[in-house]
Amino acid sequence: MALPIFAGFIREMEKSPQLKYQVDAEFEALPEDLQRQLACKDYKQHDNFIEWLFGNKKDKNPDKAEQPDKKKKGFFSKLKALFE
C-alpha cells in the first residue's frame, strides 16, 4: 500500500518546479576509505524466507520424528543468522 502513495508523492514532486531539483539530485561518490568502512558481507538469499524462519510444519520425512536428538534452531537464532 505504501508504494502507490510514495509513487504519487514523487510524481507530484516531479511536476513542481520548486521540488523537481530534489528528485533529480545526484550524489557525489563516497571516498575510498569510507567505502571500505561501509563494506559488508554479501546478502544471503533464502528462497522461502518464511519456511526457513519458522520451519516447515508439514513433516515431509516421516523418519525425522524418530530422531529427537537433533535440536532445532529457535526463531531468534535464525533471525540473528541473517545478520552474521
PDB file of N, CA and C in Angstrom:
ATOM      1  N   MET A   1       0.816  -1.180   0.000  1.00  0.00           N
ATOM      2  CA  MET A   1       0.000   0.000   0.000  1.00  0.00           C
ATOM      3  C   MET A   1       0.872   1.262   0.000  1.00  0.00           C
ATOM      4  N   ALA A   2       2.030   1.201   0.585  1.00  0.00           N
ATOM      5  CA  ALA A   2       2.876   2.389   0.665  1.00  0.00           C
ATOM      6  C   ALA A   2       3.452   2.766  -0.695  1.00  0.00           C
ATOM      7  N   LEU A   3       3.725   1.785  -1.550  1.00  0.00           N
ATOM      8  CA  LEU A   3       4.331   2.090  -2.839  1.00  0.00           C
ATOM      9  C   LEU A   3       3.465   3.006  -3.691  1.00  0.00           C
ATOM     10  N   PRO A   4       2.169   2.757  -3.861  1.00  0.00           N
ATOM     11  CA  PRO A   4       1.357   3.692  -4.659  1.00  0.00           C
ATOM     12  C   PRO A   4       1.303   5.096  -4.058  1.00  0.00           C
ATOM     13  N   ILE A   5       1.290   5.187  -2.748  1.00  0.00           N
ATOM     14  CA  ILE A   5       1.267   6.508  -2.102  1.00  0.00           C
ATOM     15  C   ILE A   5       2.576   7.232  -2.366  1.00  0.00           C
ATOM     16  N   PHE A   6       3.695   6.534  -2.198  1.00  0.00           N
ATOM     17  CA  PHE A   6       5.008   7.139  -2.424  1.00  0.00           C
ATOM     18  C   PHE A   6       5.183   7.515  -3.896  1.00  0.00           C
ATOM     19  N   ALA A   7       4.725   6.648  -4.806  1.00  0.00           N
ATOM     20  CA  ALA A   7       4.832   6.933  -6.237  1.00  0.00           C
ATOM     21  C   ALA A   7       4.043   8.196  -6.590  1.00  0.00           C
ATOM     22  N   GLY A   8       2.854   8.340  -6.019  1.00  0.00           N
ATOM     23  CA  GLY A   8       2.066   9.546  -6.250  1.00  0.00           C
ATOM     24  C   GLY A   8       2.752  10.789  -5.716  1.00  0.00           C
ATOM     25  N   PHE A   9       3.393  10.659  -4.566  1.00  0.00           N
ATOM     26  CA  PHE A   9       4.118  11.770  -3.955  1.00  0.00           C
ATOM     27  C   PHE A   9       5.286  12.206  -4.851  1.00  0.00           C
ATOM     28  N   ILE A  10       6.057  11.236  -5.339  1.00  0.00           N
ATOM     29  CA  ILE A  10       7.199  11.537  -6.211  1.00  0.00           C
ATOM     30  C   ILE A  10       6.715  12.143  -7.527  1.00  0.00           C
ATOM     31  N   ARG A  11       5.627  11.623  -8.066  1.00  0.00           N
ATOM     32  CA  ARG A  11       5.064  12.156  -9.312  1.00  0.00           C
ATOM     33  C   ARG A  11       4.711  13.639  -9.147  1.00  0.00           C
ATOM     34  N   GLU A  12       4.112  13.977  -8.008  1.00  0.00           N
ATOM     35  CA  GLU A  12       3.760  15.377  -7.751  1.00  0.00           C
ATOM     36  C   GLU A  12       5.014  16.243  -7.577  1.00  0.00           C
ATOM     37  N   MET A  13       6.050  15.682  -6.967  1.00  0.00           N
ATOM     38  CA  MET A  13       7.310  16.422  -6.821  1.00  0.00           C
ATOM     39  C   MET A  13       7.937  16.696  -8.180  1.00  0.00           C
ATOM     40  N   GLU A  14       7.863  15.732  -9.088  1.00  0.00           N
ATOM     41  CA  GLU A  14       8.435  15.921 -10.424  1.00  0.00           C
ATOM     42  C   GLU A  14       7.707  17.015 -11.208  1.00  0.00           C
ATOM     43  N   LYS A  15       6.430  17.207 -10.942  1.00  0.00           N
ATOM     44  CA  LYS A  15       5.644  18.240 -11.626  1.00  0.00           C
ATOM     45  C   LYS A  15       5.955  19.643 -11.094  1.00  0.00           C
ATOM     46  N   SER A  16       6.348  19.727  -9.845  1.00  0.00           N
ATOM     47  CA  SER A  16       6.583  21.016  -9.194  1.00  0.00           C
ATOM     48  C   SER A  16       7.951  21.585  -9.579  1.00  0.00           C
ATOM     49  N   PRO A  17       8.000  22.814 -10.107  1.00  0.00           N
ATOM     50  CA  PRO A  17       9.296  23.412 -10.453  1.00  0.00           C
ATOM     51  C   PRO A  17      10.176  23.658  -9.219  1.00  0.00           C
ATOM     52  N   GLN A  18       9.563  23.898  -8.070  1.00  0.00           N
ATOM     53  CA  GLN A  18      10.348  24.154  -6.857  1.00  0.00           C
ATOM     54  C   GLN A  18      10.973  22.871  -6.290  1.00  0.00           C
ATOM     55  N   LEU A  19      10.373  21.724  -6.547  1.00  0.00           N
ATOM     56  CA  LEU A  19      10.841  20.470  -5.933  1.00  0.00           C
ATOM     57  C   LEU A  19      11.511  19.513  -6.916  1.00  0.00           C
ATOM     58  N   LYS A  20      11.398  19.777  -8.206  1.00  0.00           N
ATOM     59  CA  LYS A  20      11.937  18.852  -9.208  1.00  0.00           C
ATOM     60  C   LYS A  20      13.439  18.631  -9.038  1.00  0.00           C
ATOM     61  N   TYR A  21      14.164  19.666  -8.630  1.00  0.00           N
ATOM     62  CA  TYR A  21      15.618  19.522  -8.470  1.00  0.00           C
ATOM     63  C   TYR A  21      15.969  18.468  -7.411  1.00  0.00           C
ATOM     64  N   GLN A  22      15.106  18.295  -6.410  1.00  0.00           N
ATOM     65  CA  GLN A  22      15.381  17.294  -5.374  1.00  0.00           C
ATOM     66  C   GLN A  22      15.191  15.884  -5.897  1.00  0.00           C
ATOM     67  N   VAL A  23      14.252  15.697  -6.806  1.00  0.00           N
ATOM     68  CA  VAL A  23      14.017  14.369  -7.380  1.00  0.00           C
ATOM     69  C   VAL A  23      15.164  13.984  -8.301  1.00  0.00           C
ATOM     70  N   ASP A  24      15.708  14.964  -9.023  1.00  0.00           N
ATOM     71  CA  ASP A  24      16.770  14.712  -9.993  1.00  0.00           C
ATOM     72  C   ASP A  24      18.171  14.838  -9.390  1.00  0.00           C
ATOM     73  N   ALA A  25      18.276  15.046  -8.094  1.00  0.00           N
ATOM     74  CA  ALA A  25      19.575  15.265  -7.448  1.00  0.00           C
ATOM     75  C   ALA A  25      20.475  14.036  -7.588  1.00  0.00           C
ATOM     76  N   GLU A  26      21.763  14.283  -7.763  1.00  0.00           N
ATOM     77  CA  GLU A  26      22.763  13.218  -7.824  1.00  0.00           C
ATOM     78  C   GLU A  26      23.745  13.417  -6.667  1.00  0.00           C
ATOM     79  N   PHE A  27      24.219  12.300  -6.140  1.00  0.00           N
ATOM     80  CA  PHE A  27      25.171  12.343  -5.030  1.00  0.00           C
ATOM     81  C   PHE A  27      26.581  12.118  -5.542  1.00  0.00           C
ATOM     82  N   GLU A  28      27.527  12.740  -4.874  1.00  0.00           N
ATOM     83  CA  GLU A  28      28.930  12.501  -5.194  1.00  0.00           C
ATOM     84  C   GLU A  28      29.316  11.100  -4.726  1.00  0.00           C
ATOM     85  N   ALA A  29      30.296  10.502  -5.383  1.00  0.00           N
ATOM     86  CA  ALA A  29      30.786   9.187  -4.975  1.00  0.00           C
ATOM     87  C   ALA A  29      31.477   9.307  -3.617  1.00  0.00           C
ATOM     88  N   LEU A  30      31.347   8.258  -2.807  1.00  0.00           N
ATOM     89  CA  LEU A  30      31.998   8.257  -1.495  1.00  0.00           C
ATOM     90  C   LEU A  30      33.505   8.083  -1.655  1.00  0.00           C
ATOM     91  N   PRO A  31      34.288   8.688  -0.767  1.00  0.00           N
ATOM     92  CA  PRO A  31      35.735   8.448  -0.799  1.00  0.00           C
ATOM     93  C   PRO A  31      36.039   6.969  -0.541  1.00  0.00           C
ATOM     94  N   GLU A  32      37.175   6.520  -1.080  1.00  0.00           N
ATOM     95  CA  GLU A  32      37.553   5.102  -0.981  1.00  0.00           C
ATOM     96  C   GLU A  32      37.596   4.597   0.462  1.00  0.00           C
ATOM     97  N   ASP A  33      38.159   5.382   1.374  1.00  0.00           N
ATOM     98  CA  ASP A  33      38.271   4.925   2.758  1.00  0.00           C
ATOM     99  C   ASP A  33      36.891   4.742   3.402  1.00  0.00           C
ATOM    100  N   LEU A  34      35.955   5.609   3.071  1.00  0.00           N
ATOM    101  CA  LEU A  34      34.600   5.477   3.598  1.00  0.00           C
ATOM    102  C   LEU A  34      33.888   4.281   2.973  1.00  0.00           C
ATOM    103  N   GLN A  35      34.126   4.028   1.695  1.00  0.00           N
ATOM    104  CA  GLN A  35      33.541   2.856   1.045  1.00  0.00           C
ATOM    105  C   GLN A  35      34.021   1.568   1.712  1.00  0.00           C
ATOM    106  N   ARG A  36      35.300   1.511   2.061  1.00  0.00           N
ATOM    107  CA  ARG A  36      35.839   0.320   2.736  1.00  0.00           C
ATOM    108  C   ARG A  36      35.218   0.149   4.118  1.00  0.00           C
ATOM    109  N   GLN A  37      34.982   1.262   4.823  1.00  0.00           N
ATOM    110  CA  GLN A  37      34.380   1.184   6.155  1.00  0.00           C
ATOM    111  C   GLN A  37      32.941   0.692   6.090  1.00  0.00           C
ATOM    112  N   LEU A  38      32.250   1.023   5.026  1.00  0.00           N
ATOM    113  CA  LEU A  38      30.845   0.640   4.893  1.00  0.00           C
ATOM    114  C   LEU A  38      30.646  -0.709   4.204  1.00  0.00           C
ATOM    115  N   ALA A  39      31.732  -1.310   3.722  1.00  0.00           N
ATOM    116  CA  ALA A  39      31.617  -2.593   3.029  1.00  0.00           C
ATOM    117  C   ALA A  39      31.132  -3.664   4.011  1.00  0.00           C
ATOM    118  N   CYS A  40      30.246  -4.519   3.533  1.00  0.00           N
ATOM    119  CA  CYS A  40      29.731  -5.600   4.375  1.00  0.00           C
ATOM    120  C   CYS A  40      29.620  -6.878   3.546  1.00  0.00           C
ATOM    121  N   LYS A  41      29.309  -7.976   4.216  1.00  0.00           N
ATOM    122  CA  LYS A  41      29.179  -9.263   3.537  1.00  0.00           C
ATOM    123  C   LYS A  41      28.017  -9.223   2.549  1.00  0.00           C
ATOM    124  N   ASP A  42      28.091 -10.115   1.581  1.00  0.00           N
ATOM    125  CA  ASP A  42      27.007 -10.220   0.610  1.00  0.00           C
ATOM    126  C   ASP A  42      25.729 -10.679   1.288  1.00  0.00           C
ATOM    127  N   TYR A  43      24.626 -10.269   0.713  1.00  0.00           N
ATOM    128  CA  TYR A  43      23.304 -10.648   1.225  1.00  0.00           C
ATOM    129  C   TYR A  43      23.069 -12.132   0.996  1.00  0.00           C
ATOM    130  N   LYS A  44      22.509 -12.820   1.997  1.00  0.00           N
ATOM    131  CA  LYS A  44      22.163 -14.231   1.867  1.00  0.00           C
ATOM    132  C   LYS A  44      20.713 -14.330   1.408  1.00  0.00           C
ATOM    133  N   GLN A  45      20.500 -14.932   0.256  1.00  0.00           N
ATOM    134  CA  GLN A  45      19.145 -15.063  -0.277  1.00  0.00           C
ATOM    135  C   GLN A  45      18.556 -16.399   0.164  1.00  0.00           C
ATOM    136  N   HIS A  46      17.373 -16.346   0.710  1.00  0.00           N
ATOM    137  CA  HIS A  46      16.640 -17.549   1.079  1.00  0.00           C
ATOM    138  C   HIS A  46      15.414 -17.616   0.181  1.00  0.00           C
ATOM    139  N   ASP A  47      15.270 -18.733  -0.544  1.00  0.00           N
ATOM    140  CA  ASP A  47      14.171 -18.842  -1.493  1.00  0.00           C
ATOM    141  C   ASP A  47      12.812 -18.748  -0.821  1.00  0.00           C
ATOM    142  N   ASN A  48      12.662 -19.424   0.297  1.00  0.00           N
ATOM    143  CA  ASN A  48      11.393 -19.370   1.001  1.00  0.00           C
ATOM    144  C   ASN A  48      11.682 -18.898   2.421  1.00  0.00           C
ATOM    145  N   PHE A  49      11.731 -17.594   2.597  1.00  0.00           N
ATOM    146  CA  PHE A  49      12.151 -16.987   3.853  1.00  0.00           C
ATOM    147  C   PHE A  49      11.270 -17.423   5.029  1.00  0.00           C
ATOM    148  N   ILE A  50       9.958 -17.411   4.851  1.00  0.00           N
ATOM    149  CA  ILE A  50       9.045 -17.747   5.943  1.00  0.00           C
ATOM    150  C   ILE A  50       9.232 -19.191   6.379  1.00  0.00           C
ATOM    151  N   GLU A  51       9.348 -20.099   5.406  1.00  0.00           N
ATOM    152  CA  GLU A  51       9.556 -21.510   5.752  1.00  0.00           C
ATOM    153  C   GLU A  51      10.905 -21.694   6.438  1.00  0.00           C
ATOM    154  N   TRP A  52      11.934 -20.996   5.954  1.00  0.00           N
ATOM    155  CA  TRP A  52      13.252 -21.111   6.571  1.00  0.00           C
ATOM    156  C   TRP A  52      13.223 -20.588   8.003  1.00  0.00           C
ATOM    157  N   LEU A  53      12.504 -19.486   8.220  1.00  0.00           N
ATOM    158  CA  LEU A  53      12.473 -18.854   9.530  1.00  0.00           C
ATOM    159  C   LEU A  53      11.672 -19.664  10.540  1.00  0.00           C
ATOM    160  N   PHE A  54      10.505 -20.137  10.147  1.00  0.00           N
ATOM    161  CA  PHE A  54       9.622 -20.828  11.081  1.00  0.00           C
ATOM    162  C   PHE A  54       9.658 -22.341  10.944  1.00  0.00           C
ATOM    163  N   GLY A  55      10.261 -22.859   9.896  1.00  0.00           N
ATOM    164  CA  GLY A  55      10.305 -24.297   9.675  1.00  0.00           C
ATOM    165  C   GLY A  55       9.063 -24.766   8.945  1.00  0.00           C
ATOM    166  N   ASN A  56       9.172 -25.921   8.354  1.00  0.00           N
ATOM    167  CA  ASN A  56       8.052 -26.489   7.626  1.00  0.00           C
ATOM    168  C   ASN A  56       7.185 -27.266   8.602  1.00  0.00           C
ATOM    169  N   LYS A  57       5.947 -26.859   8.772  1.00  0.00           N
ATOM    170  CA  LYS A  57       5.048 -27.515   9.727  1.00  0.00           C
ATOM    171  C   LYS A  57       4.651 -28.910   9.263  1.00  0.00           C
ATOM    172  N   LYS A  58       4.548 -29.105   7.959  1.00  0.00           N
ATOM    173  CA  LYS A  58       4.226 -30.433   7.434  1.00  0.00           C
ATOM    174  C   LYS A  58       5.507 -31.229   7.339  1.00  0.00           C
ATOM    175  N   ASP A  59       5.570 -32.336   8.019  1.00  0.00           N
ATOM    176  CA  ASP A  59       6.766 -33.149   8.020  1.00  0.00           C
ATOM    177  C   ASP A  59       6.813 -33.968   6.739  1.00  0.00           C
ATOM    178  N   LYS A  60       7.746 -33.655   5.857  1.00  0.00           N
ATOM    179  CA  LYS A  60       7.871 -34.377   4.600  1.00  0.00           C
ATOM    180  C   LYS A  60       8.559 -35.720   4.794  1.00  0.00           C
ATOM    181  N   ASN A  61       9.360 -35.833   5.837  1.00  0.00           N
ATOM    182  CA  ASN A  61      10.115 -37.060   6.082  1.00  0.00           C
ATOM    183  C   ASN A  61       9.579 -37.720   7.355  1.00  0.00           C
ATOM    184  N   PRO A  62       8.848 -38.845   7.239  1.00  0.00           N
ATOM    185  CA  PRO A  62       8.295 -39.490   8.433  1.00  0.00           C
ATOM    186  C   PRO A  62       9.375 -40.045   9.369  1.00  0.00           C
ATOM    187  N   ASP A  63      10.568 -40.344   8.840  1.00  0.00           N
ATOM    188  CA  ASP A  63      11.651 -40.861   9.685  1.00  0.00           C
ATOM    189  C   ASP A  63      12.245 -39.777  10.579  1.00  0.00           C
ATOM    190  N   LYS A  64      11.967 -38.552  10.277  1.00  0.00           N
ATOM    191  CA  LYS A  64      12.511 -37.441  11.055  1.00  0.00           C
ATOM    192  C   LYS A  64      11.992 -37.456  12.496  1.00  0.00           C
ATOM    193  N   ALA A  65      10.779 -37.909  12.690  1.00  0.00           N
ATOM    194  CA  ALA A  65      10.187 -37.964  14.025  1.00  0.00           C
ATOM    195  C   ALA A  65      10.945 -38.933  14.930  1.00  0.00           C
ATOM    196  N   GLU A  66      11.650 -39.880  14.339  1.00  0.00           N
ATOM    197  CA  GLU A  66      12.403 -40.856  15.117  1.00  0.00           C
ATOM    198  C   GLU A  66      13.772 -40.339  15.537  1.00  0.00           C
ATOM    199  N   GLN A  67      14.129 -39.108  15.177  1.00  0.00           N
ATOM    200  CA  GLN A  67      15.432 -38.541  15.509  1.00  0.00           C
ATOM    201  C   GLN A  67      15.274 -37.357  16.465  1.00  0.00           C
ATOM    202  N   PRO A  68      14.926 -37.600  17.733  1.00  0.00           N
ATOM    203  CA  PRO A  68      14.704 -36.496  18.663  1.00  0.00           C
ATOM    204  C   PRO A  68      15.982 -35.829  19.152  1.00  0.00           C
ATOM    205  N   ASP A  69      17.173 -36.405  18.863  1.00  0.00           N
ATOM    206  CA  ASP A  69      18.416 -35.846  19.385  1.00  0.00           C
ATOM    207  C   ASP A  69      18.846 -34.572  18.650  1.00  0.00           C
ATOM    208  N   LYS A  70      18.315 -34.315  17.466  1.00  0.00           N
ATOM    209  CA  LYS A  70      18.646 -33.092  16.738  1.00  0.00           C
ATOM    210  C   LYS A  70      17.839 -31.932  17.294  1.00  0.00           C
ATOM    211  N   LYS A  71      18.538 -30.893  17.753  1.00  0.00           N
ATOM    212  CA  LYS A  71      17.858 -29.732  18.322  1.00  0.00           C
ATOM    213  C   LYS A  71      17.601 -28.706  17.231  1.00  0.00           C
ATOM    214  N   LYS A  72      16.365 -28.196  17.176  1.00  0.00           N
ATOM    215  CA  LYS A  72      16.004 -27.187  16.194  1.00  0.00           C
ATOM    216  C   LYS A  72      16.519 -25.825  16.651  1.00  0.00           C
ATOM    217  N   LYS A  73      16.865 -24.977  15.668  1.00  0.00           N
ATOM    218  CA  LYS A  73      17.238 -23.604  15.979  1.00  0.00           C
ATOM    219  C   LYS A  73      15.978 -22.822  16.291  1.00  0.00           C
ATOM    220  N   GLY A  74      16.061 -21.940  17.247  1.00  0.00           N
ATOM    221  CA  GLY A  74      14.928 -21.104  17.613  1.00  0.00           C
ATOM    222  C   GLY A  74      14.749 -19.943  16.650  1.00  0.00           C
ATOM    223  N   PHE A  75      13.644 -19.254  16.786  1.00  0.00           N
ATOM    224  CA  PHE A  75      13.295 -18.126  15.924  1.00  0.00           C
ATOM    225  C   PHE A  75      14.375 -17.055  15.955  1.00  0.00           C
ATOM    226  N   PHE A  76      14.819 -16.652  17.148  1.00  0.00           N
ATOM    227  CA  PHE A  76      15.782 -15.562  17.257  1.00  0.00           C
ATOM    228  C   PHE A  76      17.170 -15.983  16.788  1.00  0.00           C
ATOM    229  N   SER A  77      17.506 -17.262  16.927  1.00  0.00           N
ATOM    230  CA  SER A  77      18.785 -17.743  16.408  1.00  0.00           C
ATOM    231  C   SER A  77      18.808 -17.654  14.890  1.00  0.00           C
ATOM    232  N   LYS A  78      17.688 -18.007  14.265  1.00  0.00           N
ATOM    233  CA  LYS A  78      17.603 -17.907  12.799  1.00  0.00           C
ATOM    234  C   LYS A  78      17.627 -16.453  12.368  1.00  0.00           C
ATOM    235  N   LEU A  79      16.952 -15.613  13.103  1.00  0.00           N
ATOM    236  CA  LEU A  79      16.919 -14.191  12.769  1.00  0.00           C
ATOM    237  C   LEU A  79      18.310 -13.587  12.904  1.00  0.00           C
ATOM    238  N   LYS A  80      19.034 -13.979  13.932  1.00  0.00           N
ATOM    239  CA  LYS A  80      20.387 -13.480  14.142  1.00  0.00           C
ATOM    240  C   LYS A  80      21.312 -13.918  13.004  1.00  0.00           C
ATOM    241  N   ALA A  81      21.095 -15.140  12.491  1.00  0.00           N
ATOM    242  CA  ALA A  81      21.933 -15.661  11.422  1.00  0.00           C
ATOM    243  C   ALA A  81      21.823 -14.821  10.155  1.00  0.00           C
ATOM    244  N   LEU A  82      20.730 -14.121   9.965  1.00  0.00           N
ATOM    245  CA  LEU A  82      20.577 -13.273   8.792  1.00  0.00           C
ATOM    246  C   LEU A  82      21.563 -12.123   8.781  1.00  0.00           C
ATOM    247  N   PHE A  83      21.984 -11.684   9.958  1.00  0.00           N
ATOM    248  CA  PHE A  83      22.833 -10.510  10.070  1.00  0.00           C
ATOM    249  C   PHE A  83      24.287 -10.853  10.329  1.00  0.00           C
ATOM    250  N   GLU A  84      24.620 -12.100  10.306  1.00  0.00           N
ATOM    251  CA  GLU A  84      26.012 -12.506  10.546  1.00  0.00           C
ATOM    252  C   GLU A  84      26.766 -12.620   9.239  1.00  0.00           C
TER     253      GLU A  84
END
